[in-house]
């Protein structure tokens, strides 16, 4: 079954390549971040407005803060807040934080629109290696590559009114070369992410939703879906306030 799943992901990568081709032809070269800088941080849901999968609330953190490179701040209770875009180099800064204050860090609390997939994977692996928990708090955002970081938690909790979303990933700032090279790159990224999620114990359905969602949209996950795909290990049970 696992072999069949990876074959499905490899085939789906073809559509990622087509999206990458359209974006790179329409826009100038971009840094390797998702969502792309010109798009709003708070991306529209996949499909038409109002359909299942729309976000529960508007994220609380201002867009200008989320666009900044990720910063880390340790607060009481051993909670390390990770806020902002996962820029290239975020994993190195995170590693330094863990090395300097790792004995005090019990939970990494995420509020991020995503960013560098390489850095997200590195952060996730370090979190699991150090047996640290992850959390997305009330009205916090964890989108694009951020759920990859979240998946590393030895336990993973998300408030019911948090905003968790996934979509296709792509190397926006890298010369894609020929269609064959672009295909190879997309398949490699797809395999790396799929393998990582599998190793973290996350259900395959999560990544399938990502592959089906264009980079300029997000598939917003409900608390029930987070539990179904084993993205969360325990629900906090915070009820959304109803703010849009």
C-alpha atoms as a PDB file:
ATOM      1  CA  UNK A   1       0.000   0.000   0.000  1.00  0.00           C
ATOM      2  CA  UNK A   2       2.801   2.411   0.852  1.00  0.00           C
ATOM      3  CA  UNK A   3       4.452   1.748  -2.513  1.00  0.00           C
ATOM      4  CA  UNK A   4       1.193   2.507  -4.318  1.00  0.00           C
ATOM      5  CA  UNK A   5       0.855   5.731  -2.317  1.00  0.00           C
ATOM      6  CA  UNK A   6       4.299   6.953  -3.385  1.00  0.00           C
ATOM      7  CA  UNK A   7       3.471   6.160  -7.013  1.00  0.00           C
ATOM      8  CA  UNK A   8       0.330   8.259  -6.656  1.00  0.00           C
ATOM      9  CA  UNK A   9       2.352  11.138  -5.245  1.00  0.00           C
ATOM     10  CA  UNK A  10       4.885  10.906  -8.051  1.00  0.00           C
ATOM     11  CA  UNK A  11       2.094  11.115 -10.616  1.00  0.00           C
ATOM     12  CA  UNK A  12       0.508  14.035  -8.786  1.00  0.00           C
ATOM     13  CA  UNK A  13       3.827  15.884  -8.919  1.00  0.00           C
ATOM     14  CA  UNK A  14       3.180  16.388 -12.634  1.00  0.00           C
ATOM     15  CA  UNK A  15       0.444  18.855 -11.744  1.00  0.00           C
ATOM     16  CA  UNK A  16       2.783  20.658  -9.369  1.00  0.00           C
ATOM     17  CA  UNK A  17       5.190  21.114 -12.281  1.00  0.00           C
ATOM     18  CA  UNK A  18       2.446  22.628 -14.427  1.00  0.00           C
ATOM     19  CA  UNK A  19       1.571  25.085 -11.653  1.00  0.00           C
ATOM     20  CA  UNK A  20       5.233  25.994 -11.253  1.00  0.00           C
ATOM     21  CA  UNK A  21       5.557  26.578 -15.008  1.00  0.00           C
ATOM     22  CA  UNK A  22       2.535  28.893 -15.062  1.00  0.00           C
ATOM     23  CA  UNK A  23       3.747  30.878 -12.071  1.00  0.00           C
ATOM     24  CA  UNK A  24       7.334  31.263 -13.258  1.00  0.00           C
ATOM     25  CA  UNK A  25       6.228  32.357 -16.726  1.00  0.00           C
ATOM     26  CA  UNK A  26       3.824  34.928 -15.316  1.00  0.00           C
ATOM     27  CA  UNK A  27       6.065  36.357 -12.574  1.00  0.00           C
ATOM     28  CA  UNK A  28       9.702  37.291 -12.041  1.00  0.00           C
ATOM     29  CA  UNK A  29      12.051  35.061 -10.061  1.00  0.00           C
ATOM     30  CA  UNK A  30      11.029  34.709  -6.415  1.00  0.00           C
ATOM     31  CA  UNK A  31      12.690  33.448  -3.233  1.00  0.00           C
ATOM     32  CA  UNK A  32      11.984  29.838  -2.297  1.00  0.00           C
ATOM     33  CA  UNK A  33       9.006  30.667  -0.090  1.00  0.00           C
ATOM     34  CA  UNK A  34       5.378  29.655   0.047  1.00  0.00           C
ATOM     35  CA  UNK A  35       3.092  31.592  -0.205  1.00  0.00           C
ATOM     36  CA  UNK A  36       4.798  33.767  -2.832  1.00  0.00           C
ATOM     37  CA  UNK A  37       5.516  37.307  -1.578  1.00  0.00           C
ATOM     38  CA  UNK A  38       3.014  39.169  -3.787  1.00  0.00           C
ATOM     39  CA  UNK A  39       0.096  37.067  -2.540  1.00  0.00           C
ATOM     40  CA  UNK A  40      -1.674  37.841   0.741  1.00  0.00           C
ATOM     41  CA  UNK A  41      -0.571  35.882   3.775  1.00  0.00           C
ATOM     42  CA  UNK A  42      -4.165  34.865   4.420  1.00  0.00           C
ATOM     43  CA  UNK A  43      -4.851  32.891   1.238  1.00  0.00           C
ATOM     44  CA  UNK A  44      -8.375  32.083   0.009  1.00  0.00           C
ATOM     45  CA  UNK A  45      -9.679  28.567   0.543  1.00  0.00           C
ATOM     46  CA  UNK A  46      -9.555  25.967  -2.192  1.00  0.00           C
ATOM     47  CA  UNK A  47     -12.702  26.160  -4.309  1.00  0.00           C
ATOM     48  CA  UNK A  48     -15.486  28.697  -3.992  1.00  0.00           C
ATOM     49  CA  UNK A  49     -15.992  30.926  -0.918  1.00  0.00           C
ATOM     50  CA  UNK A  50     -18.145  29.327   1.734  1.00  0.00           C
ATOM     51  CA  UNK A  51     -17.388  25.740   0.753  1.00  0.00           C
ATOM     52  CA  UNK A  52     -16.200  23.126   3.225  1.00  0.00           C
ATOM     53  CA  UNK A  53     -12.595  23.746   4.127  1.00  0.00           C
ATOM     54  CA  UNK A  54     -12.844  27.495   4.676  1.00  0.00           C
ATOM     55  CA  UNK A  55     -10.844  28.829   7.653  1.00  0.00           C
ATOM     56  CA  UNK A  56     -12.616  29.161  11.018  1.00  0.00           C
ATOM     57  CA  UNK A  57     -11.321  32.654  11.856  1.00  0.00           C
ATOM     58  CA  UNK A  58      -9.038  35.431  10.646  1.00  0.00           C
ATOM     59  CA  UNK A  59      -5.507  34.948  12.064  1.00  0.00           C
ATOM     60  CA  UNK A  60      -4.756  37.333  14.909  1.00  0.00           C
ATOM     61  CA  UNK A  61      -1.147  38.222  14.074  1.00  0.00           C
ATOM     62  CA  UNK A  62      -0.821  41.148  11.598  1.00  0.00           C
ATOM     63  CA  UNK A  63       0.318  40.293   8.074  1.00  0.00           C
ATOM     64  CA  UNK A  64       3.369  42.555   8.296  1.00  0.00           C
ATOM     65  CA  UNK A  65       4.594  40.566  11.310  1.00  0.00           C
ATOM     66  CA  UNK A  66       4.038  37.204   9.630  1.00  0.00           C
ATOM     67  CA  UNK A  67       5.982  38.351   6.551  1.00  0.00           C
ATOM     68  CA  UNK A  68       9.124  38.993   8.593  1.00  0.00           C
ATOM     69  CA  UNK A  69      11.779  36.272   8.958  1.00  0.00           C
ATOM     70  CA  UNK A  70      10.945  33.844  11.744  1.00  0.00           C
ATOM     71  CA  UNK A  71      11.895  34.907  15.249  1.00  0.00           C
ATOM     72  CA  UNK A  72      12.010  32.841  18.446  1.00  0.00           C
ATOM     73  CA  UNK A  73      11.110  33.904  21.977  1.00  0.00           C
ATOM     74  CA  UNK A  74      11.063  31.709  25.068  1.00  0.00           C
ATOM     75  CA  UNK A  75       8.286  32.434  27.589  1.00  0.00           C
ATOM     76  CA  UNK A  76       7.175  30.844  30.848  1.00  0.00           C
ATOM     77  CA  UNK A  77       6.233  27.196  30.856  1.00  0.00           C
ATOM     78  CA  UNK A  78       9.031  26.287  28.462  1.00  0.00           C
ATOM     79  CA  UNK A  79       7.099  27.571  25.434  1.00  0.00           C
ATOM     80  CA  UNK A  80       9.214  28.747  22.502  1.00  0.00           C
ATOM     81  CA  UNK A  81       7.171  31.011  20.237  1.00  0.00           C
ATOM     82  CA  UNK A  82       8.189  30.696  16.563  1.00  0.00           C
ATOM     83  CA  UNK A  83       6.629  33.591  14.662  1.00  0.00           C
ATOM     84  CA  UNK A  84       6.983  34.738  11.054  1.00  0.00           C
ATOM     85  CA  UNK A  85       8.018  33.349   7.693  1.00  0.00           C
ATOM     86  CA  UNK A  86      10.264  30.285   7.573  1.00  0.00           C
ATOM     87  CA  UNK A  87      13.021  32.021   5.648  1.00  0.00           C
ATOM     88  CA  UNK A  88      16.160  30.239   4.416  1.00  0.00           C
ATOM     89  CA  UNK A  89      18.308  30.180   7.540  1.00  0.00           C
ATOM     90  CA  UNK A  90      15.409  29.800   9.997  1.00  0.00           C
ATOM     91  CA  UNK A  91      16.427  26.202  10.732  1.00  0.00           C
ATOM     92  CA  UNK A  92      19.966  27.276  11.609  1.00  0.00           C
ATOM     93  CA  UNK A  93      18.667  29.962  13.997  1.00  0.00           C
ATOM     94  CA  UNK A  94      16.245  27.442  15.493  1.00  0.00           C
ATOM     95  CA  UNK A  95      19.077  24.958  15.998  1.00  0.00           C
ATOM     96  CA  UNK A  96      21.064  27.609  17.868  1.00  0.00           C
ATOM     97  CA  UNK A  97      18.055  28.280  20.112  1.00  0.00           C
ATOM     98  CA  UNK A  98      17.730  24.588  20.895  1.00  0.00           C
ATOM     99  CA  UNK A  99      21.447  24.286  21.571  1.00  0.00           C
ATOM    100  CA  UNK A 100      21.467  27.319  23.863  1.00  0.00           C
ATOM    101  CA  UNK A 101      18.198  26.769  25.759  1.00  0.00           C
ATOM    102  CA  UNK A 102      16.996  23.319  24.773  1.00  0.00           C
ATOM    103  CA  UNK A 103      16.743  22.070  28.342  1.00  0.00           C
ATOM    104  CA  UNK A 104      14.065  24.691  29.037  1.00  0.00           C
ATOM    105  CA  UNK A 105      12.062  24.228  25.822  1.00  0.00           C
ATOM    106  CA  UNK A 106       9.098  21.904  26.178  1.00  0.00           C
ATOM    107  CA  UNK A 107       6.777  23.219  23.446  1.00  0.00           C
ATOM    108  CA  UNK A 108       7.306  25.030  20.134  1.00  0.00           C
ATOM    109  CA  UNK A 109       4.279  27.248  19.499  1.00  0.00           C
ATOM    110  CA  UNK A 110       3.959  28.106  15.800  1.00  0.00           C
ATOM    111  CA  UNK A 111       2.478  31.164  14.095  1.00  0.00           C
ATOM    112  CA  UNK A 112       3.712  31.151  10.511  1.00  0.00           C
ATOM    113  CA  UNK A 113       2.534  31.352   6.872  1.00  0.00           C
ATOM    114  CA  UNK A 114       5.210  28.820   5.900  1.00  0.00           C
ATOM    115  CA  UNK A 115       8.279  29.302   3.758  1.00  0.00           C
ATOM    116  CA  UNK A 116      11.394  27.318   2.966  1.00  0.00           C
ATOM    117  CA  UNK A 117      10.589  23.615   2.766  1.00  0.00           C
ATOM    118  CA  UNK A 118      14.205  22.634   3.461  1.00  0.00           C
ATOM    119  CA  UNK A 119      14.232  24.682   6.663  1.00  0.00           C
ATOM    120  CA  UNK A 120      10.798  23.416   7.706  1.00  0.00           C
ATOM    121  CA  UNK A 121      11.911  19.795   7.331  1.00  0.00           C
ATOM    122  CA  UNK A 122      15.132  20.434   9.257  1.00  0.00           C
ATOM    123  CA  UNK A 123      13.231  22.120  12.097  1.00  0.00           C
ATOM    124  CA  UNK A 124      10.702  19.290  12.221  1.00  0.00           C
ATOM    125  CA  UNK A 125      13.389  16.623  12.443  1.00  0.00           C
ATOM    126  CA  UNK A 126      15.183  18.471  15.245  1.00  0.00           C
ATOM    127  CA  UNK A 127      11.933  18.861  17.190  1.00  0.00           C
ATOM    128  CA  UNK A 128      11.287  15.118  16.984  1.00  0.00           C
ATOM    129  CA  UNK A 129      14.908  14.291  17.837  1.00  0.00           C
ATOM    130  CA  UNK A 130      14.686  16.407  20.988  1.00  0.00           C
ATOM    131  CA  UNK A 131      11.220  15.051  21.895  1.00  0.00           C
ATOM    132  CA  UNK A 132       9.644  18.525  21.975  1.00  0.00           C
ATOM    133  CA  UNK A 133       5.894  19.084  21.657  1.00  0.00           C
ATOM    134  CA  UNK A 134       4.327  21.455  19.109  1.00  0.00           C
ATOM    135  CA  UNK A 135       1.301  23.708  19.349  1.00  0.00           C
ATOM    136  CA  UNK A 136      -0.723  26.168  17.257  1.00  0.00           C
ATOM    137  CA  UNK A 137      -2.561  28.523  19.571  1.00  0.00           C
ATOM    138  CA  UNK A 138      -5.797  30.476  19.426  1.00  0.00           C
ATOM    139  CA  UNK A 139      -6.159  32.353  16.112  1.00  0.00           C
ATOM    140  CA  UNK A 140      -2.564  31.484  15.212  1.00  0.00           C
ATOM    141  CA  UNK A 141      -1.690  30.569  11.605  1.00  0.00           C
ATOM    142  CA  UNK A 142       0.242  27.498  10.494  1.00  0.00           C
ATOM    143  CA  UNK A 143       0.143  27.209   6.714  1.00  0.00           C
ATOM    144  CA  UNK A 144       2.043  25.951   3.677  1.00  0.00           C
ATOM    145  CA  UNK A 145       5.278  24.393   4.991  1.00  0.00           C
ATOM    146  CA  UNK A 146       4.514  25.257   8.645  1.00  0.00           C
ATOM    147  CA  UNK A 147       2.516  22.021   9.187  1.00  0.00           C
ATOM    148  CA  UNK A 148       5.718  20.140   8.308  1.00  0.00           C
ATOM    149  CA  UNK A 149       7.363  21.750  11.349  1.00  0.00           C
ATOM    150  CA  UNK A 150       4.264  21.064  13.436  1.00  0.00           C
ATOM    151  CA  UNK A 151       4.381  17.378  12.431  1.00  0.00           C
ATOM    152  CA  UNK A 152       7.698  16.957  14.243  1.00  0.00           C
ATOM    153  CA  UNK A 153       6.133  17.393  17.675  1.00  0.00           C
ATOM    154  CA  UNK A 154       6.264  14.384  19.972  1.00  0.00           C
ATOM    155  CA  UNK A 155       2.755  15.536  20.883  1.00  0.00           C
ATOM    156  CA  UNK A 156       0.831  18.011  18.711  1.00  0.00           C
ATOM    157  CA  UNK A 157      -2.025  20.258  19.789  1.00  0.00           C
ATOM    158  CA  UNK A 158      -3.998  22.919  17.941  1.00  0.00           C
ATOM    159  CA  UNK A 159      -6.717  25.206  19.246  1.00  0.00           C
ATOM    160  CA  UNK A 160     -10.089  24.753  17.579  1.00  0.00           C
ATOM    161  CA  UNK A 161      -9.895  28.352  16.388  1.00  0.00           C
ATOM    162  CA  UNK A 162      -6.352  28.048  15.053  1.00  0.00           C
ATOM    163  CA  UNK A 163      -5.835  28.241  11.284  1.00  0.00           C
ATOM    164  CA  UNK A 164      -4.026  25.291   9.693  1.00  0.00           C
ATOM    165  CA  UNK A 165      -3.712  25.031   5.903  1.00  0.00           C
ATOM    166  CA  UNK A 166      -1.762  23.156   3.230  1.00  0.00           C
ATOM    167  CA  UNK A 167      -1.105  23.545  -0.495  1.00  0.00           C
ATOM    168  CA  UNK A 168       1.359  22.564  -3.199  1.00  0.00           C
ATOM    169  CA  UNK A 169       5.000  23.472  -2.695  1.00  0.00           C
ATOM    170  CA  UNK A 170       7.361  24.740  -5.357  1.00  0.00           C
ATOM    171  CA  UNK A 171      10.831  26.235  -5.783  1.00  0.00           C
ATOM    172  CA  UNK A 172       9.796  29.679  -6.889  1.00  0.00           C
ATOM    173  CA  UNK A 173      13.258  31.236  -6.867  1.00  0.00           C
ATOM    174  CA  UNK A 174      15.175  28.431  -8.552  1.00  0.00           C
ATOM    175  CA  UNK A 175      15.635  28.184 -12.316  1.00  0.00           C
ATOM    176  CA  UNK A 176      13.402  25.269 -13.256  1.00  0.00           C
ATOM    177  CA  UNK A 177      15.389  24.448 -16.398  1.00  0.00           C
ATOM    178  CA  UNK A 178      13.803  22.043 -18.849  1.00  0.00           C
ATOM    179  CA  UNK A 179      10.369  20.439 -18.266  1.00  0.00           C
ATOM    180  CA  UNK A 180      12.195  17.203 -17.467  1.00  0.00           C
ATOM    181  CA  UNK A 181      14.308  18.947 -14.810  1.00  0.00           C
ATOM    182  CA  UNK A 182      11.224  20.614 -13.371  1.00  0.00           C
ATOM    183  CA  UNK A 183       9.471  17.255 -13.239  1.00  0.00           C
ATOM    184  CA  UNK A 184      12.439  15.657 -11.486  1.00  0.00           C
ATOM    185  CA  UNK A 185      12.600  18.507  -8.949  1.00  0.00           C
ATOM    186  CA  UNK A 186       8.876  18.331  -8.201  1.00  0.00           C
ATOM    187  CA  UNK A 187       8.981  14.576  -7.758  1.00  0.00           C
ATOM    188  CA  UNK A 188      11.989  14.835  -5.435  1.00  0.00           C
ATOM    189  CA  UNK A 189      10.263  17.452  -3.268  1.00  0.00           C
ATOM    190  CA  UNK A 190       7.060  15.403  -3.231  1.00  0.00           C
ATOM    191  CA  UNK A 191       8.906  12.254  -2.176  1.00  0.00           C
ATOM    192  CA  UNK A 192      10.877  14.042   0.551  1.00  0.00           C
ATOM    193  CA  UNK A 193       7.792  15.602   2.109  1.00  0.00           C
ATOM    194  CA  UNK A 194       5.722  12.414   1.814  1.00  0.00           C
ATOM    195  CA  UNK A 195       8.479  10.328   3.370  1.00  0.00           C
ATOM    196  CA  UNK A 196       8.927  12.803   6.216  1.00  0.00           C
ATOM    197  CA  UNK A 197       5.212  12.893   7.027  1.00  0.00           C
ATOM    198  CA  UNK A 198       5.126   9.103   6.965  1.00  0.00           C
ATOM    199  CA  UNK A 199       8.086   8.935   9.346  1.00  0.00           C
ATOM    200  CA  UNK A 200       6.337  11.411  11.648  1.00  0.00           C
ATOM    201  CA  UNK A 201       3.248   9.184  11.694  1.00  0.00           C
ATOM    202  CA  UNK A 202       0.999  11.574   9.741  1.00  0.00           C
ATOM    203  CA  UNK A 203      -1.798  10.128   7.585  1.00  0.00           C
ATOM    204  CA  UNK A 204      -1.423  10.199   3.784  1.00  0.00           C
ATOM    205  CA  UNK A 205      -4.636  12.180   3.317  1.00  0.00           C
ATOM    206  CA  UNK A 206      -2.989  15.375   4.536  1.00  0.00           C
ATOM    207  CA  UNK A 207      -0.426  15.471   1.723  1.00  0.00           C
ATOM    208  CA  UNK A 208      -3.010  14.482  -0.881  1.00  0.00           C
ATOM    209  CA  UNK A 209      -4.996  17.606   0.064  1.00  0.00           C
ATOM    210  CA  UNK A 210      -1.799  19.637  -0.365  1.00  0.00           C
ATOM    211  CA  UNK A 211      -1.114  18.202  -3.820  1.00  0.00           C
ATOM    212  CA  UNK A 212      -4.659  19.003  -4.930  1.00  0.00           C
ATOM    213  CA  UNK A 213      -4.515  22.664  -3.840  1.00  0.00           C
ATOM    214  CA  UNK A 214      -2.818  25.342  -6.024  1.00  0.00           C
ATOM    215  CA  UNK A 215      -0.069  27.497  -4.437  1.00  0.00           C
ATOM    216  CA  UNK A 216      -2.310  30.589  -4.474  1.00  0.00           C
ATOM    217  CA  UNK A 217      -4.947  28.860  -2.315  1.00  0.00           C
ATOM    218  CA  UNK A 218      -4.999  26.841   0.900  1.00  0.00           C
ATOM    219  CA  UNK A 219      -6.867  23.756   1.983  1.00  0.00           C
ATOM    220  CA  UNK A 220      -7.915  24.659   5.505  1.00  0.00           C
ATOM    221  CA  UNK A 221      -8.060  21.709   7.878  1.00  0.00           C
ATOM    222  CA  UNK A 222     -10.845  21.293  10.401  1.00  0.00           C
ATOM    223  CA  UNK A 223     -10.046  19.992  13.915  1.00  0.00           C
ATOM    224  CA  UNK A 224     -11.698  16.709  12.915  1.00  0.00           C
ATOM    225  CA  UNK A 225      -9.426  16.374   9.865  1.00  0.00           C
ATOM    226  CA  UNK A 226      -6.314  17.190  11.911  1.00  0.00           C
ATOM    227  CA  UNK A 227      -7.252  14.339  14.223  1.00  0.00           C
ATOM    228  CA  UNK A 228      -8.202  12.002  11.363  1.00  0.00           C
ATOM    229  CA  UNK A 229      -4.826  12.476   9.649  1.00  0.00           C
ATOM    230  CA  UNK A 230      -3.026  12.213  13.019  1.00  0.00           C
ATOM    231  CA  UNK A 231      -1.652  15.712  12.575  1.00  0.00           C
ATOM    232  CA  UNK A 232      -2.852  16.432  16.109  1.00  0.00           C
ATOM    233  CA  UNK A 233      -2.442  13.992  18.942  1.00  0.00           C
ATOM    234  CA  UNK A 234      -4.715  15.762  21.422  1.00  0.00           C
ATOM    235  CA  UNK A 235      -7.342  18.496  21.009  1.00  0.00           C
ATOM    236  CA  UNK A 236      -7.106  21.589  23.184  1.00  0.00           C
ATOM    237  CA  UNK A 237     -10.818  22.160  22.842  1.00  0.00           C
ATOM    238  CA  UNK A 238     -10.759  25.934  22.456  1.00  0.00           C
ATOM    239  CA  UNK A 239     -13.978  27.068  20.775  1.00  0.00           C
ATOM    240  CA  UNK A 240     -13.708  29.766  18.135  1.00  0.00           C
ATOM    241  CA  UNK A 241     -15.114  33.154  19.057  1.00  0.00           C
ATOM    242  CA  UNK A 242     -16.967  33.461  15.757  1.00  0.00           C
ATOM    243  CA  UNK A 243     -14.802  36.349  14.509  1.00  0.00           C
ATOM    244  CA  UNK A 244     -14.399  36.293  10.739  1.00  0.00           C
END
